[in-house]
């Protein structure tokens, strides 16, 4: 490291964007109608971190949801929303935790808004996605990865 290179740890938000969106509406044609019947939602989520080089790290938040009305599948939606940070002089464990917990927490409201707008735009009843605890999701994933590593060794 030269005397002119900064040594202060830093995280800089570079970009955030919708990376992928897929929507399938099963309530088309004769089944399409606005109604107030309750819809059950099954939500799937995971976070993937990608090293883009040059100190750039991409955190991808995947949200997948399946909605059903009266036991009949109404829609399937999947989206990936990403955020890129420039990570400088940060302890790798702190950076990894940030990219798996705080980065997805930052973009979750944006991803959830896009998902819910897609559902409403398809003529289906509005959905409400509860806040997610990314600390718990990360801890569960770490435990699963540790168990898998222990089983293979």
N, C-alpha and C. Protein backbone atom coordinates (compact mmCIF):
# COMPACT_ATOMS: atom_id res chain seq x y z
N UNK A 1 0.85 -1.18 0.00
CA UNK A 1 0.00 0.00 0.00
C UNK A 1 0.89 1.24 0.00
N UNK A 2 0.60 2.18 -0.86
CA UNK A 2 1.39 3.40 -0.93
C UNK A 2 0.84 4.42 0.04
N UNK A 3 1.63 5.47 0.28
CA UNK A 3 1.22 6.51 1.22
C UNK A 3 0.00 7.28 0.73
N UNK A 4 -0.29 7.25 -0.57
CA UNK A 4 -1.42 8.02 -1.09
C UNK A 4 -2.73 7.23 -1.10
N UNK A 5 -2.66 5.90 -0.87
CA UNK A 5 -3.88 5.10 -0.87
C UNK A 5 -4.60 5.26 0.47
N UNK A 6 -5.92 5.44 0.45
CA UNK A 6 -6.65 5.60 1.69
C UNK A 6 -6.67 4.28 2.47
N UNK A 7 -6.63 4.38 3.79
CA UNK A 7 -6.67 3.20 4.64
C UNK A 7 -7.95 3.13 5.46
N UNK A 8 -8.78 4.14 5.35
CA UNK A 8 -10.03 4.17 6.09
C UNK A 8 -11.03 3.20 5.47
N UNK A 9 -11.65 2.35 6.29
CA UNK A 9 -12.68 1.46 5.76
C UNK A 9 -13.84 2.27 5.19
N UNK A 10 -14.36 1.81 4.06
CA UNK A 10 -15.46 2.55 3.43
C UNK A 10 -16.36 1.61 2.63
N UNK A 11 -17.63 1.95 2.62
CA UNK A 11 -18.64 1.32 1.77
C UNK A 11 -19.29 2.42 0.97
N UNK A 12 -19.30 2.28 -0.33
CA UNK A 12 -19.91 3.29 -1.19
C UNK A 12 -20.97 2.62 -2.06
N UNK A 13 -22.20 3.12 -1.97
CA UNK A 13 -23.27 2.62 -2.83
C UNK A 13 -22.99 3.07 -4.26
N UNK A 14 -22.91 2.11 -5.17
CA UNK A 14 -22.60 2.42 -6.56
C UNK A 14 -23.87 2.42 -7.41
N UNK A 15 -24.73 1.40 -7.21
CA UNK A 15 -25.94 1.29 -8.04
C UNK A 15 -26.89 0.29 -7.40
N UNK A 16 -28.16 0.44 -7.69
CA UNK A 16 -29.16 -0.57 -7.34
C UNK A 16 -30.14 -0.65 -8.48
N UNK A 17 -30.65 -1.88 -8.74
CA UNK A 17 -31.45 -2.06 -9.95
C UNK A 17 -32.22 -3.37 -9.90
N UNK A 18 -33.31 -3.39 -10.67
CA UNK A 18 -34.05 -4.62 -10.90
C UNK A 18 -33.26 -5.44 -11.89
N UNK A 19 -32.89 -6.65 -11.51
CA UNK A 19 -32.06 -7.49 -12.36
C UNK A 19 -32.89 -8.48 -13.17
N UNK A 20 -33.98 -8.98 -12.57
CA UNK A 20 -34.81 -9.97 -13.25
C UNK A 20 -36.21 -9.94 -12.66
N UNK A 21 -37.22 -10.12 -13.52
CA UNK A 21 -38.61 -10.17 -13.07
C UNK A 21 -39.37 -11.14 -13.97
N UNK A 22 -40.08 -12.05 -13.33
CA UNK A 22 -40.92 -13.01 -14.06
C UNK A 22 -42.26 -13.09 -13.34
N UNK A 23 -43.35 -13.03 -14.10
CA UNK A 23 -44.69 -13.07 -13.51
C UNK A 23 -45.58 -13.98 -14.34
N UNK A 24 -46.25 -14.89 -13.67
CA UNK A 24 -47.22 -15.76 -14.34
C UNK A 24 -48.56 -15.61 -13.64
N UNK A 25 -49.57 -15.21 -14.41
CA UNK A 25 -50.92 -14.99 -13.89
C UNK A 25 -51.79 -16.18 -14.29
N UNK A 26 -52.29 -16.92 -13.31
CA UNK A 26 -53.14 -18.06 -13.59
C UNK A 26 -54.62 -17.70 -13.61
N UNK A 27 -54.93 -16.47 -13.32
CA UNK A 27 -56.34 -16.06 -13.24
C UNK A 27 -56.70 -15.16 -14.43
N UNK A 28 -56.49 -15.68 -15.60
CA UNK A 28 -56.81 -14.94 -16.81
C UNK A 28 -58.08 -15.50 -17.42
N UNK A 29 -58.56 -14.84 -18.45
CA UNK A 29 -59.77 -15.31 -19.15
C UNK A 29 -60.96 -15.35 -18.23
N UNK A 30 -61.67 -16.47 -18.23
CA UNK A 30 -62.90 -16.56 -17.44
C UNK A 30 -62.65 -16.51 -15.94
N UNK A 31 -61.41 -16.73 -15.51
CA UNK A 31 -61.10 -16.70 -14.08
C UNK A 31 -60.71 -15.31 -13.59
N UNK A 32 -60.50 -14.40 -14.52
CA UNK A 32 -60.06 -13.06 -14.13
C UNK A 32 -61.24 -12.26 -13.63
N UNK A 33 -61.17 -11.88 -12.39
CA UNK A 33 -62.20 -11.02 -11.81
C UNK A 33 -61.64 -10.40 -10.53
N UNK A 34 -62.06 -9.21 -10.29
CA UNK A 34 -61.66 -8.55 -9.05
C UNK A 34 -62.56 -9.06 -7.94
N UNK A 35 -61.97 -9.50 -6.89
CA UNK A 35 -62.77 -9.90 -5.73
C UNK A 35 -61.98 -9.62 -4.46
N UNK A 36 -62.67 -9.71 -3.35
CA UNK A 36 -62.05 -9.39 -2.07
C UNK A 36 -61.72 -10.65 -1.28
N UNK A 37 -61.76 -11.79 -1.94
CA UNK A 37 -61.43 -13.02 -1.22
C UNK A 37 -59.97 -12.97 -0.77
N UNK A 38 -59.70 -13.50 0.40
CA UNK A 38 -58.32 -13.46 0.90
C UNK A 38 -57.39 -14.32 0.05
N UNK A 39 -56.17 -13.84 -0.07
CA UNK A 39 -55.17 -14.55 -0.84
C UNK A 39 -54.06 -14.99 0.12
N UNK A 40 -53.67 -16.24 0.02
CA UNK A 40 -52.54 -16.71 0.83
C UNK A 40 -51.27 -16.58 -0.02
N UNK A 41 -50.19 -16.18 0.62
CA UNK A 41 -48.92 -15.94 -0.06
C UNK A 41 -47.85 -16.83 0.54
N UNK A 42 -47.11 -17.51 -0.31
CA UNK A 42 -45.93 -18.25 0.12
C UNK A 42 -44.72 -17.51 -0.44
N UNK A 43 -43.87 -17.03 0.45
CA UNK A 43 -42.72 -16.22 0.05
C UNK A 43 -41.43 -17.03 0.20
N UNK A 44 -40.60 -16.97 -0.83
CA UNK A 44 -39.27 -17.58 -0.81
C UNK A 44 -38.26 -16.46 -1.01
N UNK A 45 -37.15 -16.55 -0.31
CA UNK A 45 -36.14 -15.50 -0.45
C UNK A 45 -34.75 -16.06 -0.22
N UNK A 46 -33.79 -15.47 -0.88
CA UNK A 46 -32.40 -15.74 -0.57
C UNK A 46 -31.53 -14.58 -1.09
N UNK A 47 -30.34 -14.52 -0.55
CA UNK A 47 -29.39 -13.47 -0.89
C UNK A 47 -28.13 -14.13 -1.46
N UNK A 48 -27.64 -13.58 -2.55
CA UNK A 48 -26.40 -14.05 -3.16
C UNK A 48 -25.46 -12.87 -3.29
N UNK A 49 -24.20 -13.07 -2.93
CA UNK A 49 -23.20 -12.02 -3.05
C UNK A 49 -22.20 -12.42 -4.13
N UNK A 50 -21.94 -11.49 -5.04
CA UNK A 50 -21.02 -11.73 -6.16
C UNK A 50 -19.88 -10.71 -6.12
N UNK A 51 -18.67 -11.21 -6.24
CA UNK A 51 -17.50 -10.33 -6.33
C UNK A 51 -17.34 -9.92 -7.79
N UNK A 52 -17.47 -8.62 -8.06
CA UNK A 52 -17.39 -8.11 -9.43
C UNK A 52 -15.99 -7.62 -9.79
N UNK A 53 -15.07 -7.70 -8.85
CA UNK A 53 -13.71 -7.22 -9.08
C UNK A 53 -13.59 -5.73 -8.82
N UNK A 54 -12.36 -5.25 -8.73
CA UNK A 54 -12.08 -3.83 -8.49
C UNK A 54 -12.76 -3.30 -7.24
N UNK A 55 -12.92 -4.15 -6.22
CA UNK A 55 -13.54 -3.72 -4.97
C UNK A 55 -15.05 -3.63 -5.01
N UNK A 56 -15.67 -4.04 -6.12
CA UNK A 56 -17.13 -3.97 -6.24
C UNK A 56 -17.75 -5.30 -5.83
N UNK A 57 -18.78 -5.20 -5.01
CA UNK A 57 -19.51 -6.37 -4.55
C UNK A 57 -20.99 -6.17 -4.87
N UNK A 58 -21.60 -7.19 -5.45
CA UNK A 58 -23.02 -7.14 -5.79
C UNK A 58 -23.77 -8.05 -4.82
N UNK A 59 -24.80 -7.51 -4.22
CA UNK A 59 -25.68 -8.27 -3.35
C UNK A 59 -27.02 -8.41 -4.07
N UNK A 60 -27.42 -9.66 -4.34
CA UNK A 60 -28.68 -9.92 -5.03
C UNK A 60 -29.71 -10.44 -4.05
N UNK A 61 -30.86 -9.79 -4.04
CA UNK A 61 -31.99 -10.23 -3.22
C UNK A 61 -33.00 -10.89 -4.15
N UNK A 62 -33.25 -12.18 -3.94
CA UNK A 62 -34.27 -12.90 -4.70
C UNK A 62 -35.53 -12.98 -3.87
N UNK A 63 -36.66 -12.61 -4.46
CA UNK A 63 -37.98 -12.79 -3.84
C UNK A 63 -38.82 -13.62 -4.80
N UNK A 64 -39.36 -14.70 -4.32
CA UNK A 64 -40.28 -15.50 -5.10
C UNK A 64 -41.56 -15.64 -4.30
N UNK A 65 -42.68 -15.44 -4.93
CA UNK A 65 -43.96 -15.55 -4.22
C UNK A 65 -44.96 -16.32 -5.06
N UNK A 66 -45.74 -17.13 -4.38
CA UNK A 66 -46.85 -17.84 -5.00
C UNK A 66 -48.09 -17.44 -4.23
N UNK A 67 -49.10 -16.99 -4.96
CA UNK A 67 -50.35 -16.58 -4.33
C UNK A 67 -51.47 -17.53 -4.71
N UNK A 68 -52.31 -17.84 -3.73
CA UNK A 68 -53.46 -18.71 -3.96
C UNK A 68 -54.72 -18.08 -3.40
N UNK A 69 -55.82 -18.29 -4.11
CA UNK A 69 -57.14 -17.84 -3.65
C UNK A 69 -58.02 -19.09 -3.57
N UNK A 70 -58.58 -19.34 -2.38
CA UNK A 70 -59.41 -20.53 -2.16
C UNK A 70 -58.71 -21.81 -2.60
N UNK A 71 -57.41 -21.91 -2.32
CA UNK A 71 -56.65 -23.11 -2.64
C UNK A 71 -56.25 -23.24 -4.10
N UNK A 72 -56.64 -22.30 -4.94
CA UNK A 72 -56.28 -22.32 -6.36
C UNK A 72 -55.14 -21.33 -6.60
N UNK A 73 -54.09 -21.82 -7.25
CA UNK A 73 -52.95 -20.95 -7.51
C UNK A 73 -53.39 -19.78 -8.40
N UNK A 74 -53.04 -18.56 -7.97
CA UNK A 74 -53.41 -17.35 -8.70
C UNK A 74 -52.24 -16.75 -9.47
N UNK A 75 -51.04 -16.81 -8.89
CA UNK A 75 -49.89 -16.24 -9.57
C UNK A 75 -48.60 -16.83 -9.01
N UNK A 76 -47.56 -16.68 -9.82
CA UNK A 76 -46.18 -16.95 -9.39
C UNK A 76 -45.36 -15.75 -9.87
N UNK A 77 -44.61 -15.18 -8.96
CA UNK A 77 -43.74 -14.06 -9.32
C UNK A 77 -42.36 -14.31 -8.73
N UNK A 78 -41.35 -14.01 -9.51
CA UNK A 78 -39.97 -14.11 -9.04
C UNK A 78 -39.22 -12.87 -9.50
N UNK A 79 -38.47 -12.29 -8.59
CA UNK A 79 -37.66 -11.14 -8.98
C UNK A 79 -36.34 -11.17 -8.26
N UNK A 80 -35.36 -10.60 -8.91
CA UNK A 80 -34.05 -10.40 -8.31
C UNK A 80 -33.74 -8.91 -8.39
N UNK A 81 -33.47 -8.34 -7.24
CA UNK A 81 -33.12 -6.92 -7.14
C UNK A 81 -31.69 -6.87 -6.60
N UNK A 82 -30.84 -6.10 -7.23
CA UNK A 82 -29.42 -6.09 -6.86
C UNK A 82 -28.95 -4.71 -6.45
N UNK A 83 -27.90 -4.72 -5.66
CA UNK A 83 -27.24 -3.49 -5.24
C UNK A 83 -25.74 -3.73 -5.30
N UNK A 84 -25.01 -2.73 -5.78
CA UNK A 84 -23.56 -2.83 -5.87
C UNK A 84 -22.93 -1.82 -4.91
N UNK A 85 -21.97 -2.30 -4.14
CA UNK A 85 -21.20 -1.46 -3.24
C UNK A 85 -19.73 -1.57 -3.59
N UNK A 86 -19.03 -0.46 -3.44
CA UNK A 86 -17.57 -0.48 -3.50
C UNK A 86 -17.11 -0.65 -2.05
N UNK A 87 -16.37 -1.71 -1.82
CA UNK A 87 -15.90 -2.05 -0.47
C UNK A 87 -14.40 -1.77 -0.42
N UNK A 88 -14.00 -0.88 0.50
CA UNK A 88 -12.60 -0.48 0.60
C UNK A 88 -12.11 -0.68 2.03
N UNK A 89 -11.02 -1.43 2.18
CA UNK A 89 -10.34 -1.58 3.47
C UNK A 89 -11.27 -2.02 4.60
N UNK A 90 -12.18 -2.91 4.31
CA UNK A 90 -13.13 -3.39 5.32
C UNK A 90 -12.80 -4.84 5.65
N UNK A 91 -12.81 -5.17 6.92
CA UNK A 91 -12.59 -6.55 7.35
C UNK A 91 -13.53 -7.46 6.56
N UNK A 92 -13.03 -8.56 5.99
CA UNK A 92 -13.86 -9.43 5.15
C UNK A 92 -15.11 -9.97 5.85
N UNK A 93 -15.01 -10.29 7.14
CA UNK A 93 -16.19 -10.79 7.86
C UNK A 93 -17.25 -9.71 8.01
N UNK A 94 -16.82 -8.49 8.27
CA UNK A 94 -17.77 -7.37 8.38
C UNK A 94 -18.40 -7.09 7.02
N UNK A 95 -17.59 -7.10 5.97
CA UNK A 95 -18.13 -6.88 4.62
C UNK A 95 -19.14 -7.96 4.25
N UNK A 96 -18.81 -9.23 4.53
CA UNK A 96 -19.70 -10.34 4.20
C UNK A 96 -21.04 -10.20 4.94
N UNK A 97 -20.98 -9.85 6.21
CA UNK A 97 -22.21 -9.65 6.98
C UNK A 97 -23.01 -8.48 6.43
N UNK A 98 -22.34 -7.38 6.13
CA UNK A 98 -23.03 -6.23 5.57
C UNK A 98 -23.73 -6.60 4.26
N UNK A 99 -23.03 -7.29 3.37
CA UNK A 99 -23.59 -7.62 2.06
C UNK A 99 -24.72 -8.64 2.13
N UNK A 100 -24.76 -9.45 3.19
CA UNK A 100 -25.81 -10.45 3.35
C UNK A 100 -26.96 -10.00 4.24
N UNK A 101 -26.75 -8.93 4.99
CA UNK A 101 -27.79 -8.46 5.93
C UNK A 101 -28.24 -7.04 5.61
N UNK A 102 -27.33 -6.09 5.68
CA UNK A 102 -27.72 -4.68 5.52
C UNK A 102 -28.04 -4.31 4.08
N UNK A 103 -27.27 -4.82 3.13
CA UNK A 103 -27.55 -4.50 1.72
C UNK A 103 -28.94 -4.98 1.30
N UNK A 104 -29.32 -6.24 1.58
CA UNK A 104 -30.68 -6.65 1.20
C UNK A 104 -31.76 -5.92 2.01
N UNK A 105 -31.46 -5.59 3.27
CA UNK A 105 -32.44 -4.83 4.06
C UNK A 105 -32.70 -3.46 3.41
N UNK A 106 -31.65 -2.87 2.85
CA UNK A 106 -31.75 -1.57 2.19
C UNK A 106 -32.65 -1.63 0.95
N UNK A 107 -32.52 -2.70 0.15
CA UNK A 107 -33.27 -2.76 -1.11
C UNK A 107 -34.59 -3.51 -1.00
N UNK A 108 -34.83 -4.20 0.11
CA UNK A 108 -36.07 -4.97 0.25
C UNK A 108 -37.34 -4.14 -0.01
N UNK A 109 -37.46 -2.93 0.54
CA UNK A 109 -38.68 -2.15 0.26
C UNK A 109 -38.89 -1.89 -1.24
N UNK A 110 -37.81 -1.67 -1.97
CA UNK A 110 -37.92 -1.43 -3.41
C UNK A 110 -38.37 -2.70 -4.13
N UNK A 111 -37.74 -3.83 -3.78
CA UNK A 111 -38.09 -5.11 -4.41
C UNK A 111 -39.53 -5.49 -4.06
N UNK A 112 -39.92 -5.30 -2.81
CA UNK A 112 -41.29 -5.65 -2.39
C UNK A 112 -42.31 -4.77 -3.11
N UNK A 113 -42.00 -3.50 -3.31
CA UNK A 113 -42.92 -2.60 -4.02
C UNK A 113 -43.11 -3.04 -5.47
N UNK A 114 -42.03 -3.45 -6.12
CA UNK A 114 -42.13 -3.92 -7.51
C UNK A 114 -42.97 -5.18 -7.57
N UNK A 115 -42.72 -6.11 -6.64
CA UNK A 115 -43.49 -7.36 -6.61
C UNK A 115 -44.97 -7.09 -6.39
N UNK A 116 -45.30 -6.27 -5.41
CA UNK A 116 -46.71 -6.00 -5.13
C UNK A 116 -47.38 -5.25 -6.27
N UNK A 117 -46.66 -4.35 -6.93
CA UNK A 117 -47.22 -3.63 -8.07
C UNK A 117 -47.50 -4.58 -9.23
N UNK A 118 -46.63 -5.57 -9.43
CA UNK A 118 -46.87 -6.56 -10.48
C UNK A 118 -48.14 -7.35 -10.20
N UNK A 119 -48.36 -7.70 -8.95
CA UNK A 119 -49.57 -8.46 -8.58
C UNK A 119 -50.82 -7.61 -8.84
N UNK A 120 -50.82 -6.37 -8.38
CA UNK A 120 -51.97 -5.49 -8.57
C UNK A 120 -52.17 -5.20 -10.06
N UNK A 121 -51.08 -5.00 -10.79
CA UNK A 121 -51.16 -4.74 -12.22
C UNK A 121 -51.75 -5.90 -13.00
N UNK A 122 -51.69 -7.10 -12.43
CA UNK A 122 -52.27 -8.28 -13.07
C UNK A 122 -53.75 -8.44 -12.74
N UNK A 123 -54.30 -7.47 -12.02
CA UNK A 123 -55.73 -7.53 -11.69
C UNK A 123 -56.04 -8.40 -10.49
N UNK A 124 -55.04 -8.71 -9.70
CA UNK A 124 -55.23 -9.54 -8.51
C UNK A 124 -55.34 -8.67 -7.28
N UNK A 125 -55.87 -9.23 -6.20
CA UNK A 125 -55.95 -8.45 -4.96
C UNK A 125 -54.56 -8.02 -4.48
N UNK A 126 -54.46 -6.87 -3.86
CA UNK A 126 -53.16 -6.40 -3.36
C UNK A 126 -52.58 -7.37 -2.33
N UNK A 127 -51.27 -7.45 -2.30
CA UNK A 127 -50.58 -8.27 -1.31
C UNK A 127 -49.73 -7.38 -0.41
N UNK A 128 -49.49 -7.85 0.79
CA UNK A 128 -48.64 -7.15 1.74
C UNK A 128 -47.54 -8.10 2.14
N UNK A 129 -46.31 -7.72 1.90
CA UNK A 129 -45.17 -8.53 2.30
C UNK A 129 -44.63 -8.00 3.63
N UNK A 130 -44.59 -8.89 4.59
CA UNK A 130 -44.09 -8.53 5.91
C UNK A 130 -42.59 -8.20 5.83
N UNK A 131 -42.11 -7.36 6.74
CA UNK A 131 -40.67 -7.12 6.80
C UNK A 131 -39.92 -8.44 7.08
N UNK A 132 -38.72 -8.54 6.56
CA UNK A 132 -37.90 -9.73 6.77
C UNK A 132 -36.75 -9.41 7.70
N UNK A 133 -36.36 -10.38 8.52
CA UNK A 133 -35.21 -10.23 9.41
C UNK A 133 -34.01 -10.88 8.71
N UNK A 134 -33.23 -10.08 8.04
CA UNK A 134 -32.10 -10.60 7.28
C UNK A 134 -30.99 -11.14 8.18
N UNK A 135 -30.93 -10.68 9.44
CA UNK A 135 -29.98 -11.27 10.39
C UNK A 135 -30.29 -12.75 10.60
N UNK A 136 -31.56 -13.06 10.81
CA UNK A 136 -31.96 -14.45 11.03
C UNK A 136 -31.75 -15.27 9.76
N UNK A 137 -32.12 -14.74 8.61
CA UNK A 137 -31.93 -15.47 7.35
C UNK A 137 -30.45 -15.79 7.12
N UNK A 138 -29.58 -14.85 7.41
CA UNK A 138 -28.14 -15.06 7.24
C UNK A 138 -27.63 -16.10 8.23
N UNK A 139 -28.07 -16.02 9.48
CA UNK A 139 -27.64 -16.99 10.49
C UNK A 139 -28.07 -18.40 10.12
N UNK A 140 -29.29 -18.55 9.61
CA UNK A 140 -29.79 -19.86 9.19
C UNK A 140 -28.94 -20.39 8.04
N UNK A 141 -28.65 -19.53 7.07
CA UNK A 141 -27.84 -19.96 5.93
C UNK A 141 -26.44 -20.37 6.36
N UNK A 142 -25.84 -19.61 7.28
CA UNK A 142 -24.51 -19.96 7.77
C UNK A 142 -24.53 -21.32 8.48
N UNK A 143 -25.56 -21.57 9.27
CA UNK A 143 -25.68 -22.84 9.98
C UNK A 143 -25.84 -23.99 8.99
N UNK A 144 -26.68 -23.79 7.95
CA UNK A 144 -26.87 -24.83 6.93
C UNK A 144 -25.58 -25.11 6.17
N UNK A 145 -24.83 -24.06 5.84
CA UNK A 145 -23.56 -24.24 5.14
C UNK A 145 -22.54 -24.97 6.01
N UNK A 146 -22.52 -24.67 7.31
CA UNK A 146 -21.61 -25.35 8.24
C UNK A 146 -21.98 -26.81 8.37
N UNK A 147 -23.27 -27.12 8.44
CA UNK A 147 -23.71 -28.51 8.53
C UNK A 147 -23.34 -29.29 7.26
N UNK A 148 -23.54 -28.65 6.10
CA UNK A 148 -23.20 -29.30 4.84
C UNK A 148 -21.70 -29.55 4.76
N UNK A 149 -20.89 -28.60 5.20
CA UNK A 149 -19.44 -28.77 5.18
C UNK A 149 -19.02 -29.89 6.13
N UNK A 150 -19.67 -29.99 7.29
CA UNK A 150 -19.34 -31.03 8.25
C UNK A 150 -19.71 -32.42 7.69
N UNK A 151 -20.80 -32.49 6.94
CA UNK A 151 -21.24 -33.77 6.38
C UNK A 151 -20.32 -34.24 5.26
N UNK A 152 -19.73 -33.32 4.53
CA UNK A 152 -18.87 -33.71 3.40
C UNK A 152 -17.42 -33.97 3.82
N UNK A 153 -17.08 -33.60 5.05
CA UNK A 153 -15.69 -33.83 5.48
C UNK A 153 -15.54 -35.04 6.36
